[in-house]
Structures are given as C-alpha cells and as structure tokens.
C-alpha cells in the first residue's frame, strides 16, 4: 500500500550534488544540495531545452530549481538555513557553479541525459 504522506519521499528519485569546492571550501563534500525528480511535463520540457541553446536551458532550470531542492547545507548565518530561492540565487551567481549543478543533475538523474564535455553543457 502506498501512503503519500509516508512513502512519497521514497517514490521520487533524488540527486545529491556536492559543491563545496565551487563555494571556496576545501572539499566538495563540505557543501551539497539535493534535488528531486521533476514531474513529467517539466521533464519533457527540460529534455526539450537540452536541444536548444545553453542560455534557454539555464534560464528554464533556474525557474524550476527552487521547487526541486529537497535538502542542502547552505546557511545565511550561523543558525539560519538559506531558503530555496536564496540557494538558487547563490548558485546562479557563478556560471561554473550553475552549469555544474545543471550538468550533474542531468547526468545523475536516470530520467534524462544530456551530453557533457569538459564541464560544459552541450546544447
């Protein structure tokens, strides 16, 4: 029996992306974000975006990112965890960081794939 409030978290694929070095830390493991699988329509749109320009893909991913972050260890202060919107803004401040997150997400998520070469997205 599937019970949404109990089993929903196990139902969706999640991708953990380590980003510590991109944030100036010693190890990638020091900072992470976890993203969940996106719904069917968004998955199809994301697949469509991979065949368009890199800019269109990045713009689309930026719009869906706050809604798919399930966990992270990024803090605004010693005790206040950043909101998903703040995490998204931080990730998109640096091109290399944004493309790493997008590329890793697309590569690790089983439901879609996009060619990646030398840390760059291939449109």
C-alpha atoms as a PDB file:
ATOM      1  CA  UNK A   1       0.000   0.000   0.000  1.00  0.00           C
ATOM      2  CA  UNK A   2       1.285   3.461  -0.978  1.00  0.00           C
ATOM      3  CA  UNK A   3       0.596   6.193   1.548  1.00  0.00           C
ATOM      4  CA  UNK A   4       1.522   9.590   0.154  1.00  0.00           C
ATOM      5  CA  UNK A   5       2.459  11.255   3.453  1.00  0.00           C
ATOM      6  CA  UNK A   6       4.683   8.305   4.401  1.00  0.00           C
ATOM      7  CA  UNK A   7       6.006   6.900   1.106  1.00  0.00           C
ATOM      8  CA  UNK A   8       6.188   9.909  -1.229  1.00  0.00           C
ATOM      9  CA  UNK A   9       9.788  10.681  -0.283  1.00  0.00           C
ATOM     10  CA  UNK A  10      10.881   7.198  -1.370  1.00  0.00           C
ATOM     11  CA  UNK A  11       8.868   7.448  -4.594  1.00  0.00           C
ATOM     12  CA  UNK A  12      10.914  10.192  -6.268  1.00  0.00           C
ATOM     13  CA  UNK A  13      14.498   9.960  -7.464  1.00  0.00           C
ATOM     14  CA  UNK A  14      16.842  12.351  -5.648  1.00  0.00           C
ATOM     15  CA  UNK A  15      20.222  13.600  -6.767  1.00  0.00           C
ATOM     16  CA  UNK A  16      22.812  14.857  -4.281  1.00  0.00           C
ATOM     17  CA  UNK A  17      25.297  17.313  -5.778  1.00  0.00           C
ATOM     18  CA  UNK A  18      28.406  18.246  -3.820  1.00  0.00           C
ATOM     19  CA  UNK A  19      29.533  21.826  -4.450  1.00  0.00           C
ATOM     20  CA  UNK A  20      31.973  22.692  -1.671  1.00  0.00           C
ATOM     21  CA  UNK A  21      34.989  23.456  -3.876  1.00  0.00           C
ATOM     22  CA  UNK A  22      32.905  25.709  -6.116  1.00  0.00           C
ATOM     23  CA  UNK A  23      31.993  27.693  -2.988  1.00  0.00           C
ATOM     24  CA  UNK A  24      35.644  28.086  -1.981  1.00  0.00           C
ATOM     25  CA  UNK A  25      35.714  25.268   0.580  1.00  0.00           C
ATOM     26  CA  UNK A  26      38.456  22.635   0.803  1.00  0.00           C
ATOM     27  CA  UNK A  27      36.303  19.685  -0.227  1.00  0.00           C
ATOM     28  CA  UNK A  28      33.222  19.207  -2.373  1.00  0.00           C
ATOM     29  CA  UNK A  29      31.678  17.177   0.465  1.00  0.00           C
ATOM     30  CA  UNK A  30      31.512  20.257   2.719  1.00  0.00           C
ATOM     31  CA  UNK A  31      28.522  21.699   0.847  1.00  0.00           C
ATOM     32  CA  UNK A  32      25.718  19.988  -1.032  1.00  0.00           C
ATOM     33  CA  UNK A  33      22.283  20.397  -2.495  1.00  0.00           C
ATOM     34  CA  UNK A  34      19.813  17.583  -3.048  1.00  0.00           C
ATOM     35  CA  UNK A  35      17.360  17.826  -5.914  1.00  0.00           C
ATOM     36  CA  UNK A  36      14.307  15.695  -6.560  1.00  0.00           C
ATOM     37  CA  UNK A  37      12.938  14.301  -9.764  1.00  0.00           C
ATOM     38  CA  UNK A  38      10.723  16.759 -11.587  1.00  0.00           C
ATOM     39  CA  UNK A  39       7.162  15.979 -12.741  1.00  0.00           C
ATOM     40  CA  UNK A  40       6.511  14.525 -16.192  1.00  0.00           C
ATOM     41  CA  UNK A  41       5.662  17.764 -18.036  1.00  0.00           C
ATOM     42  CA  UNK A  42       8.718  19.551 -16.612  1.00  0.00           C
ATOM     43  CA  UNK A  43      10.884  16.528 -17.504  1.00  0.00           C
ATOM     44  CA  UNK A  44       9.727  16.693 -21.108  1.00  0.00           C
ATOM     45  CA  UNK A  45      10.291  20.449 -21.215  1.00  0.00           C
ATOM     46  CA  UNK A  46      13.773  20.012 -19.691  1.00  0.00           C
ATOM     47  CA  UNK A  47      14.602  17.387 -22.332  1.00  0.00           C
ATOM     48  CA  UNK A  48      13.373  19.823 -24.991  1.00  0.00           C
ATOM     49  CA  UNK A  49      15.570  22.580 -23.532  1.00  0.00           C
ATOM     50  CA  UNK A  50      18.694  20.399 -23.837  1.00  0.00           C
ATOM     51  CA  UNK A  51      18.334  20.588 -27.616  1.00  0.00           C
ATOM     52  CA  UNK A  52      18.033  24.386 -27.563  1.00  0.00           C
ATOM     53  CA  UNK A  53      20.603  26.984 -26.582  1.00  0.00           C
ATOM     54  CA  UNK A  54      22.536  26.702 -23.354  1.00  0.00           C
ATOM     55  CA  UNK A  55      21.026  30.019 -22.271  1.00  0.00           C
ATOM     56  CA  UNK A  56      17.462  28.716 -22.653  1.00  0.00           C
ATOM     57  CA  UNK A  57      18.344  25.575 -20.682  1.00  0.00           C
ATOM     58  CA  UNK A  58      19.936  27.590 -17.881  1.00  0.00           C
ATOM     59  CA  UNK A  59      17.015  30.053 -17.731  1.00  0.00           C
ATOM     60  CA  UNK A  60      14.485  27.209 -17.551  1.00  0.00           C
ATOM     61  CA  UNK A  61      16.444  25.318 -14.888  1.00  0.00           C
ATOM     62  CA  UNK A  62      16.678  28.481 -12.802  1.00  0.00           C
ATOM     63  CA  UNK A  63      12.874  28.742 -12.781  1.00  0.00           C
ATOM     64  CA  UNK A  64      12.330  25.145 -11.622  1.00  0.00           C
ATOM     65  CA  UNK A  65      15.262  24.848  -9.198  1.00  0.00           C
ATOM     66  CA  UNK A  66      13.646  26.346  -6.049  1.00  0.00           C
ATOM     67  CA  UNK A  67      10.834  23.801  -6.310  1.00  0.00           C
ATOM     68  CA  UNK A  68      13.068  20.753  -6.641  1.00  0.00           C
ATOM     69  CA  UNK A  69      15.563  21.429  -3.845  1.00  0.00           C
ATOM     70  CA  UNK A  70      14.762  18.895  -1.111  1.00  0.00           C
ATOM     71  CA  UNK A  71      17.779  19.471   1.119  1.00  0.00           C
ATOM     72  CA  UNK A  72      21.011  21.456   1.371  1.00  0.00           C
ATOM     73  CA  UNK A  73      23.517  22.560   3.977  1.00  0.00           C
ATOM     74  CA  UNK A  74      23.863  26.210   2.996  1.00  0.00           C
ATOM     75  CA  UNK A  75      23.271  28.828   5.667  1.00  0.00           C
ATOM     76  CA  UNK A  76      22.650  32.575   5.553  1.00  0.00           C
ATOM     77  CA  UNK A  77      24.127  32.874   9.063  1.00  0.00           C
ATOM     78  CA  UNK A  78      25.405  30.533  11.767  1.00  0.00           C
ATOM     79  CA  UNK A  79      21.865  29.406  12.603  1.00  0.00           C
ATOM     80  CA  UNK A  80      19.624  30.354   9.669  1.00  0.00           C
ATOM     81  CA  UNK A  81      19.400  27.983   6.731  1.00  0.00           C
ATOM     82  CA  UNK A  82      19.085  29.634   3.310  1.00  0.00           C
ATOM     83  CA  UNK A  83      15.721  29.431   1.553  1.00  0.00           C
ATOM     84  CA  UNK A  84      15.497  27.509  -1.700  1.00  0.00           C
ATOM     85  CA  UNK A  85      15.174  30.817  -3.527  1.00  0.00           C
ATOM     86  CA  UNK A  86      18.350  32.132  -1.860  1.00  0.00           C
ATOM     87  CA  UNK A  87      20.204  28.909  -2.734  1.00  0.00           C
ATOM     88  CA  UNK A  88      19.107  29.281  -6.351  1.00  0.00           C
ATOM     89  CA  UNK A  89      20.297  32.889  -6.453  1.00  0.00           C
ATOM     90  CA  UNK A  90      23.654  31.857  -4.959  1.00  0.00           C
ATOM     91  CA  UNK A  91      24.140  29.030  -7.455  1.00  0.00           C
ATOM     92  CA  UNK A  92      23.448  31.329 -10.384  1.00  0.00           C
ATOM     93  CA  UNK A  93      25.907  33.996  -9.236  1.00  0.00           C
ATOM     94  CA  UNK A  94      28.722  31.926 -10.705  1.00  0.00           C
ATOM     95  CA  UNK A  95      28.419  30.418 -14.197  1.00  0.00           C
ATOM     96  CA  UNK A  96      30.684  27.472 -13.449  1.00  0.00           C
ATOM     97  CA  UNK A  97      28.654  26.586 -10.362  1.00  0.00           C
ATOM     98  CA  UNK A  98      25.304  26.821 -12.158  1.00  0.00           C
ATOM     99  CA  UNK A  99      26.481  24.679 -15.074  1.00  0.00           C
ATOM    100  CA  UNK A 100      27.975  22.119 -12.661  1.00  0.00           C
ATOM    101  CA  UNK A 101      24.665  21.773 -10.819  1.00  0.00           C
ATOM    102  CA  UNK A 102      22.655  21.531 -14.033  1.00  0.00           C
ATOM    103  CA  UNK A 103      25.117  19.140 -15.673  1.00  0.00           C
ATOM    104  CA  UNK A 104      25.406  16.878 -12.615  1.00  0.00           C
ATOM    105  CA  UNK A 105      21.638  16.820 -12.185  1.00  0.00           C
ATOM    106  CA  UNK A 106      21.041  15.859 -15.802  1.00  0.00           C
ATOM    107  CA  UNK A 107      23.834  13.278 -15.712  1.00  0.00           C
ATOM    108  CA  UNK A 108      22.791  11.613 -12.436  1.00  0.00           C
ATOM    109  CA  UNK A 109      19.035  11.677 -12.893  1.00  0.00           C
ATOM    110  CA  UNK A 110      18.017   8.465 -14.632  1.00  0.00           C
ATOM    111  CA  UNK A 111      15.050  10.002 -16.388  1.00  0.00           C
ATOM    112  CA  UNK A 112      17.042  12.205 -18.765  1.00  0.00           C
ATOM    113  CA  UNK A 113      20.555  12.694 -20.008  1.00  0.00           C
ATOM    114  CA  UNK A 114      22.452  15.362 -21.845  1.00  0.00           C
ATOM    115  CA  UNK A 115      25.963  15.195 -23.263  1.00  0.00           C
ATOM    116  CA  UNK A 116      28.522  16.973 -21.107  1.00  0.00           C
ATOM    117  CA  UNK A 117      32.014  17.836 -22.251  1.00  0.00           C
ATOM    118  CA  UNK A 118      34.774  19.257 -20.096  1.00  0.00           C
ATOM    119  CA  UNK A 119      32.405  20.704 -17.508  1.00  0.00           C
ATOM    120  CA  UNK A 120      30.249  22.458 -20.100  1.00  0.00           C
ATOM    121  CA  UNK A 121      26.758  21.644 -21.118  1.00  0.00           C
ATOM    122  CA  UNK A 122      26.449  20.638 -24.733  1.00  0.00           C
ATOM    123  CA  UNK A 123      23.342  22.163 -26.272  1.00  0.00           C
END
